[in-house]
Amino acid sequence: KLLLNLPNVVKGNLYVNTFGGGTANTEFEFLTGMSIGNYDYPVMPYNNFVKKDKYSLARYFKNIGYKTMAMHPYVATNYHRNIVYKRFGFEDLIFYDEFKHRDRVRNFVSDKAFYEEVIDRFNDTKNNNEKLFLFGITMQNHSGYRMFDGAEVSTKLYEYDNKSEIDSYLSLMKISDDAIKTLIDYFEKENEHVI
């Protein structure tokens, strides 16, 4: 609801080829502009065909003078991100061990902690008179939607076997909606133009 009420937000439909895992496929398509739609499922481009430096949004921004940073509050070797992100042209890789903010929702770094980390990293580069291209992947809403302490949403689905999973998922989305306000509120006050 918050994003829908912002005047400068571009809205539209998004096609995501991922279901139940495979986040790296969506990352690959977004960062390279290449579709994996022509490959046999399952395909994992990070494992199969990013064997050398590859053109990407990160490389584009690096070539025009931006500092490039990839952030993911999880294990660096998952999907070989620690290798692939470098091949995409990311200079700084921030994984779980490098996070200063580690508050959790379930067993994952919360979106709010992630956004606080983004703000810190933005300020670090700004203080060094650098421009920043930051690519971030959150973990709070990763699958495995069993009920958890702090779940707030309860649906009225009485005949659905996985009601607790739906309630958990929707509760996580609410927590995410609340958390993104932190990021939006901060950057609304920022003089620097930020997308």
C-alpha atoms as a PDB file:
ATOM      1  CA  LYS A   1       0.000   0.000   0.000  1.00  0.00           C
ATOM      2  CA  LEU A   2       2.865   2.372   0.836  1.00  0.00           C
ATOM      3  CA  LEU A   3       4.503   1.976  -2.587  1.00  0.00           C
ATOM      4  CA  LEU A   4       1.220   2.375  -4.426  1.00  0.00           C
ATOM      5  CA  ASN A   5       0.701   5.807  -2.860  1.00  0.00           C
ATOM      6  CA  LEU A   6       4.120   7.209  -3.793  1.00  0.00           C
ATOM      7  CA  PRO A   7       3.952   9.667  -6.712  1.00  0.00           C
ATOM      8  CA  ASN A   8       7.292   8.720  -8.372  1.00  0.00           C
ATOM      9  CA  VAL A   9       6.873   4.944  -8.417  1.00  0.00           C
ATOM     10  CA  VAL A  10       6.755   3.136 -11.744  1.00  0.00           C
ATOM     11  CA  LYS A  11       4.306   0.281 -11.563  1.00  0.00           C
ATOM     12  CA  GLY A  12       3.772  -2.702 -13.819  1.00  0.00           C
ATOM     13  CA  ASN A  13       3.806  -6.446 -14.175  1.00  0.00           C
ATOM     14  CA  LEU A  14       6.881  -8.563 -13.603  1.00  0.00           C
ATOM     15  CA  TYR A  15       7.528 -11.997 -15.014  1.00  0.00           C
ATOM     16  CA  VAL A  16       9.632 -14.134 -12.699  1.00  0.00           C
ATOM     17  CA  ASN A  17      10.623 -17.612 -13.790  1.00  0.00           C
ATOM     18  CA  THR A  18      11.329 -18.765 -10.248  1.00  0.00           C
ATOM     19  CA  PHE A  19       9.041 -20.889  -8.153  1.00  0.00           C
ATOM     20  CA  GLY A  20      10.097 -22.484  -4.904  1.00  0.00           C
ATOM     21  CA  GLY A  21      13.774 -21.689  -5.287  1.00  0.00           C
ATOM     22  CA  GLY A  22      16.229 -20.617  -7.941  1.00  0.00           C
ATOM     23  CA  THR A  23      16.504 -16.944  -7.019  1.00  0.00           C
ATOM     24  CA  ALA A  24      19.802 -16.796  -8.892  1.00  0.00           C
ATOM     25  CA  ASN A  25      17.926 -17.334 -12.180  1.00  0.00           C
ATOM     26  CA  THR A  26      15.996 -14.105 -11.686  1.00  0.00           C
ATOM     27  CA  GLU A  27      19.190 -12.323 -10.628  1.00  0.00           C
ATOM     28  CA  PHE A  28      20.920 -13.551 -13.792  1.00  0.00           C
ATOM     29  CA  GLU A  29      18.138 -12.306 -16.050  1.00  0.00           C
ATOM     30  CA  PHE A  30      17.934  -8.926 -14.313  1.00  0.00           C
ATOM     31  CA  LEU A  31      21.677  -8.288 -14.239  1.00  0.00           C
ATOM     32  CA  THR A  32      22.484  -9.508 -17.774  1.00  0.00           C
ATOM     33  CA  GLY A  33      19.253  -8.893 -19.689  1.00  0.00           C
ATOM     34  CA  MET A  34      19.488 -12.488 -20.933  1.00  0.00           C
ATOM     35  CA  SER A  35      16.534 -14.854 -20.652  1.00  0.00           C
ATOM     36  CA  ILE A  36      16.876 -18.425 -19.486  1.00  0.00           C
ATOM     37  CA  GLY A  37      13.512 -19.183 -21.097  1.00  0.00           C
ATOM     38  CA  ASN A  38      15.130 -21.075 -23.975  1.00  0.00           C
ATOM     39  CA  TYR A  39      16.981 -23.495 -21.733  1.00  0.00           C
ATOM     40  CA  ASP A  40      15.680 -26.793 -20.427  1.00  0.00           C
ATOM     41  CA  TYR A  41      14.407 -26.588 -16.862  1.00  0.00           C
ATOM     42  CA  PRO A  42      16.016 -26.779 -14.388  1.00  0.00           C
ATOM     43  CA  VAL A  43      18.904 -24.548 -15.349  1.00  0.00           C
ATOM     44  CA  MET A  44      21.158 -22.626 -13.008  1.00  0.00           C
ATOM     45  CA  PRO A  45      23.135 -20.076 -15.042  1.00  0.00           C
ATOM     46  CA  TYR A  46      25.418 -19.198 -12.123  1.00  0.00           C
ATOM     47  CA  ASN A  47      26.519 -22.835 -11.995  1.00  0.00           C
ATOM     48  CA  ASN A  48      26.434 -23.604 -15.720  1.00  0.00           C
ATOM     49  CA  PHE A  49      27.440 -20.683 -17.902  1.00  0.00           C
ATOM     50  CA  VAL A  50      29.023 -17.822 -16.024  1.00  0.00           C
ATOM     51  CA  LYS A  51      32.558 -19.165 -16.413  1.00  0.00           C
ATOM     52  CA  LYS A  52      34.276 -15.846 -17.265  1.00  0.00           C
ATOM     53  CA  ASP A  53      33.646 -12.106 -17.063  1.00  0.00           C
ATOM     54  CA  LYS A  54      30.200 -11.248 -18.387  1.00  0.00           C
ATOM     55  CA  TYR A  55      28.512  -8.016 -19.371  1.00  0.00           C
ATOM     56  CA  SER A  56      25.977  -6.890 -16.769  1.00  0.00           C
ATOM     57  CA  LEU A  57      24.388  -3.836 -15.201  1.00  0.00           C
ATOM     58  CA  ALA A  58      27.215  -3.867 -12.651  1.00  0.00           C
ATOM     59  CA  ARG A  59      29.857  -3.735 -15.385  1.00  0.00           C
ATOM     60  CA  TYR A  60      27.952  -0.942 -17.162  1.00  0.00           C
ATOM     61  CA  PHE A  61      27.842   1.199 -14.018  1.00  0.00           C
ATOM     62  CA  LYS A  62      31.449   0.356 -13.161  1.00  0.00           C
ATOM     63  CA  ASN A  63      32.502   1.536 -16.645  1.00  0.00           C
ATOM     64  CA  ILE A  64      30.836   4.926 -16.121  1.00  0.00           C
ATOM     65  CA  GLY A  65      32.473   5.560 -12.770  1.00  0.00           C
ATOM     66  CA  TYR A  66      30.196   4.018 -10.165  1.00  0.00           C
ATOM     67  CA  LYS A  67      31.383   1.902  -7.278  1.00  0.00           C
ATOM     68  CA  THR A  68      29.607  -1.443  -7.656  1.00  0.00           C
ATOM     69  CA  MET A  69      28.410  -3.445  -4.684  1.00  0.00           C
ATOM     70  CA  ALA A  70      26.412  -6.650  -4.286  1.00  0.00           C
ATOM     71  CA  MET A  71      24.793  -7.403  -0.921  1.00  0.00           C
ATOM     72  CA  HIS A  72      23.242 -10.658   0.211  1.00  0.00           C
ATOM     73  CA  PRO A  73      22.858 -11.553   3.904  1.00  0.00           C
ATOM     74  CA  TYR A  74      23.508 -15.224   3.407  1.00  0.00           C
ATOM     75  CA  VAL A  75      26.364 -17.627   2.691  1.00  0.00           C
ATOM     76  CA  ALA A  76      28.782 -16.248   0.077  1.00  0.00           C
ATOM     77  CA  THR A  77      29.190 -19.570  -1.730  1.00  0.00           C
ATOM     78  CA  ASN A  78      25.452 -20.146  -2.215  1.00  0.00           C
ATOM     79  CA  TYR A  79      24.904 -20.376  -6.016  1.00  0.00           C
ATOM     80  CA  HIS A  80      28.598 -19.437  -6.336  1.00  0.00           C
ATOM     81  CA  ARG A  81      27.638 -15.793  -5.848  1.00  0.00           C
ATOM     82  CA  ASN A  82      31.077 -14.976  -4.428  1.00  0.00           C
ATOM     83  CA  ILE A  83      32.580 -15.920  -7.821  1.00  0.00           C
ATOM     84  CA  VAL A  84      29.780 -14.936 -10.209  1.00  0.00           C
ATOM     85  CA  TYR A  85      29.259 -11.438  -8.774  1.00  0.00           C
ATOM     86  CA  LYS A  86      32.943 -10.670  -9.425  1.00  0.00           C
ATOM     87  CA  ARG A  87      32.536 -11.928 -12.997  1.00  0.00           C
ATOM     88  CA  PHE A  88      29.616  -9.518 -13.387  1.00  0.00           C
ATOM     89  CA  GLY A  89      31.867  -6.610 -12.372  1.00  0.00           C
ATOM     90  CA  PHE A  90      30.912  -6.092  -8.742  1.00  0.00           C
ATOM     91  CA  GLU A  91      33.848  -4.669  -6.803  1.00  0.00           C
ATOM     92  CA  ASP A  92      32.509  -5.050  -3.268  1.00  0.00           C
ATOM     93  CA  LEU A  93      30.726  -8.205  -2.141  1.00  0.00           C
ATOM     94  CA  ILE A  94      28.888  -8.002   1.166  1.00  0.00           C
ATOM     95  CA  PHE A  95      27.656 -11.327   2.497  1.00  0.00           C
ATOM     96  CA  TYR A  96      26.361 -12.332   5.921  1.00  0.00           C
ATOM     97  CA  ASP A  97      29.754 -12.218   7.653  1.00  0.00           C
ATOM     98  CA  GLU A  98      30.285  -8.582   6.593  1.00  0.00           C
ATOM     99  CA  PHE A  99      26.864  -7.363   7.755  1.00  0.00           C
ATOM    100  CA  LYS A 100      26.878  -4.991  10.726  1.00  0.00           C
ATOM    101  CA  HIS A 101      23.083  -5.203  11.059  1.00  0.00           C
ATOM    102  CA  ARG A 102      21.918  -8.759  11.759  1.00  0.00           C
ATOM    103  CA  ASP A 103      18.519  -8.523  13.456  1.00  0.00           C
ATOM    104  CA  ARG A 104      16.509 -11.544  12.402  1.00  0.00           C
ATOM    105  CA  VAL A 105      13.027 -12.552  11.410  1.00  0.00           C
ATOM    106  CA  ARG A 106      12.819 -16.309  11.626  1.00  0.00           C
ATOM    107  CA  ASN A 107      16.351 -17.535  10.871  1.00  0.00           C
ATOM    108  CA  PHE A 108      17.188 -14.832   8.339  1.00  0.00           C
ATOM    109  CA  VAL A 109      18.493 -11.269   8.476  1.00  0.00           C
ATOM    110  CA  SER A 110      15.408  -9.057   8.539  1.00  0.00           C
ATOM    111  CA  ASP A 111      14.545  -6.728   5.686  1.00  0.00           C
ATOM    112  CA  LYS A 112      14.769  -3.807   8.129  1.00  0.00           C
ATOM    113  CA  ALA A 113      18.343  -4.778   9.085  1.00  0.00           C
ATOM    114  CA  PHE A 114      19.154  -5.178   5.391  1.00  0.00           C
ATOM    115  CA  TYR A 115      17.873  -1.676   4.608  1.00  0.00           C
ATOM    116  CA  GLU A 116      19.839  -0.229   7.528  1.00  0.00           C
ATOM    117  CA  GLU A 117      22.928  -1.867   6.008  1.00  0.00           C
ATOM    118  CA  VAL A 118      22.098  -0.340   2.614  1.00  0.00           C
ATOM    119  CA  ILE A 119      21.849   3.112   4.205  1.00  0.00           C
ATOM    120  CA  ASP A 120      25.209   2.652   5.944  1.00  0.00           C
ATOM    121  CA  ARG A 121      26.922   1.496   2.730  1.00  0.00           C
ATOM    122  CA  PHE A 122      25.356   4.375   0.794  1.00  0.00           C
ATOM    123  CA  ASN A 123      26.675   6.875   3.347  1.00  0.00           C
ATOM    124  CA  ASP A 124      30.148   5.318   3.254  1.00  0.00           C
ATOM    125  CA  THR A 125      30.391   5.809  -0.506  1.00  0.00           C
ATOM    126  CA  LYS A 126      28.795   9.256  -0.341  1.00  0.00           C
ATOM    127  CA  ASN A 127      31.348  10.340   2.284  1.00  0.00           C
ATOM    128  CA  ASN A 128      34.093   9.216  -0.133  1.00  0.00           C
ATOM    129  CA  ASN A 129      32.502  11.292  -2.945  1.00  0.00           C
ATOM    130  CA  GLU A 130      31.667   8.135  -4.874  1.00  0.00           C
ATOM    131  CA  LYS A 131      28.554   7.149  -6.796  1.00  0.00           C
ATOM    132  CA  LEU A 132      27.112   3.745  -5.925  1.00  0.00           C
ATOM    133  CA  PHE A 133      25.354   1.015  -7.854  1.00  0.00           C
ATOM    134  CA  LEU A 134      24.114  -1.417  -5.199  1.00  0.00           C
ATOM    135  CA  PHE A 135      22.434  -4.710  -6.020  1.00  0.00           C
ATOM    136  CA  GLY A 136      20.813  -6.327  -2.993  1.00  0.00           C
ATOM    137  CA  ILE A 137      19.038  -9.595  -2.362  1.00  0.00           C
ATOM    138  CA  THR A 138      17.114  -9.947   0.900  1.00  0.00           C
ATOM    139  CA  MET A 139      16.508 -13.204   2.763  1.00  0.00           C
ATOM    140  CA  GLN A 140      13.730 -12.554   5.284  1.00  0.00           C
ATOM    141  CA  ASN A 141      10.969 -13.966   3.074  1.00  0.00           C
ATOM    142  CA  HIS A 142      12.827 -17.008   1.789  1.00  0.00           C
ATOM    143  CA  SER A 143      10.698 -20.102   1.473  1.00  0.00           C
ATOM    144  CA  GLY A 144       9.909 -22.454   4.274  1.00  0.00           C
ATOM    145  CA  TYR A 145       6.727 -20.772   5.467  1.00  0.00           C
ATOM    146  CA  ARG A 146       6.029 -22.441   8.786  1.00  0.00           C
ATOM    147  CA  MET A 147       4.484 -20.294  11.494  1.00  0.00           C
ATOM    148  CA  PHE A 148       6.912 -18.183  13.473  1.00  0.00           C
ATOM    149  CA  ASP A 149       6.889 -15.925  16.513  1.00  0.00           C
ATOM    150  CA  GLY A 150       5.677 -12.520  15.427  1.00  0.00           C
ATOM    151  CA  ALA A 151       3.297 -13.678  12.696  1.00  0.00           C
ATOM    152  CA  GLU A 152       0.504 -11.102  12.586  1.00  0.00           C
ATOM    153  CA  VAL A 153      -1.727 -12.029   9.657  1.00  0.00           C
ATOM    154  CA  SER A 154      -4.428 -14.637   9.972  1.00  0.00           C
ATOM    155  CA  THR A 155      -6.553 -15.565   6.980  1.00  0.00           C
ATOM    156  CA  LYS A 156     -10.044 -16.977   7.160  1.00  0.00           C
ATOM    157  CA  LEU A 157      -9.288 -20.043   5.062  1.00  0.00           C
ATOM    158  CA  TYR A 158     -10.863 -22.887   6.982  1.00  0.00           C
ATOM    159  CA  GLU A 159     -10.685 -25.609   4.343  1.00  0.00           C
ATOM    160  CA  TYR A 160      -7.150 -25.031   3.113  1.00  0.00           C
ATOM    161  CA  ASP A 161      -4.494 -27.520   4.266  1.00  0.00           C
ATOM    162  CA  ASN A 162      -1.646 -25.015   4.267  1.00  0.00           C
ATOM    163  CA  LYS A 163      -3.396 -22.141   6.058  1.00  0.00           C
ATOM    164  CA  SER A 164      -0.452 -21.676   8.449  1.00  0.00           C
ATOM    165  CA  GLU A 165       1.953 -21.344   5.499  1.00  0.00           C
ATOM    166  CA  ILE A 166      -0.261 -18.704   3.889  1.00  0.00           C
ATOM    167  CA  ASP A 167      -0.580 -16.832   7.190  1.00  0.00           C
ATOM    168  CA  SER A 168       3.188 -16.989   7.644  1.00  0.00           C
ATOM    169  CA  TYR A 169       3.886 -15.778   4.098  1.00  0.00           C
ATOM    170  CA  LEU A 170       1.420 -12.889   4.402  1.00  0.00           C
ATOM    171  CA  SER A 171       2.828 -11.970   7.819  1.00  0.00           C
ATOM    172  CA  LEU A 172       6.315 -11.825   6.308  1.00  0.00           C
ATOM    173  CA  MET A 173       5.025  -9.579   3.517  1.00  0.00           C
ATOM    174  CA  LYS A 174       3.533  -7.233   6.116  1.00  0.00           C
ATOM    175  CA  ILE A 175       6.858  -7.090   7.971  1.00  0.00           C
ATOM    176  CA  SER A 176       8.556  -6.329   4.636  1.00  0.00           C
ATOM    177  CA  ASP A 177       6.070  -3.559   3.886  1.00  0.00           C
ATOM    178  CA  ASP A 178       6.770  -2.019   7.293  1.00  0.00           C
ATOM    179  CA  ALA A 179      10.543  -2.355   6.789  1.00  0.00           C
ATOM    180  CA  ILE A 180      10.721  -0.717   3.376  1.00  0.00           C
ATOM    181  CA  LYS A 181       9.323   2.419   4.981  1.00  0.00           C
ATOM    182  CA  THR A 182      12.726   2.761   6.715  1.00  0.00           C
ATOM    183  CA  LEU A 183      14.447   2.913   3.345  1.00  0.00           C
ATOM    184  CA  ILE A 184      11.909   5.201   1.696  1.00  0.00           C
ATOM    185  CA  ASP A 185      11.781   7.615   4.635  1.00  0.00           C
ATOM    186  CA  TYR A 186      15.563   7.884   4.673  1.00  0.00           C
ATOM    187  CA  PHE A 187      16.003   8.513   0.957  1.00  0.00           C
ATOM    188  CA  GLU A 188      13.086  10.963   0.751  1.00  0.00           C
ATOM    189  CA  LYS A 189      15.208  13.276   2.945  1.00  0.00           C
ATOM    190  CA  GLU A 190      18.396  12.653   0.962  1.00  0.00           C
ATOM    191  CA  ASN A 191      19.576  15.447  -1.351  1.00  0.00           C
ATOM    192  CA  GLU A 192      21.333  12.971  -3.645  1.00  0.00           C
ATOM    193  CA  HIS A 193      19.114  11.574  -6.403  1.00  0.00           C
ATOM    194  CA  VAL A 194      18.554   7.886  -5.654  1.00  0.00           C
ATOM    195  CA  ILE A 195      16.779   5.232  -7.674  1.00  0.00           C
END
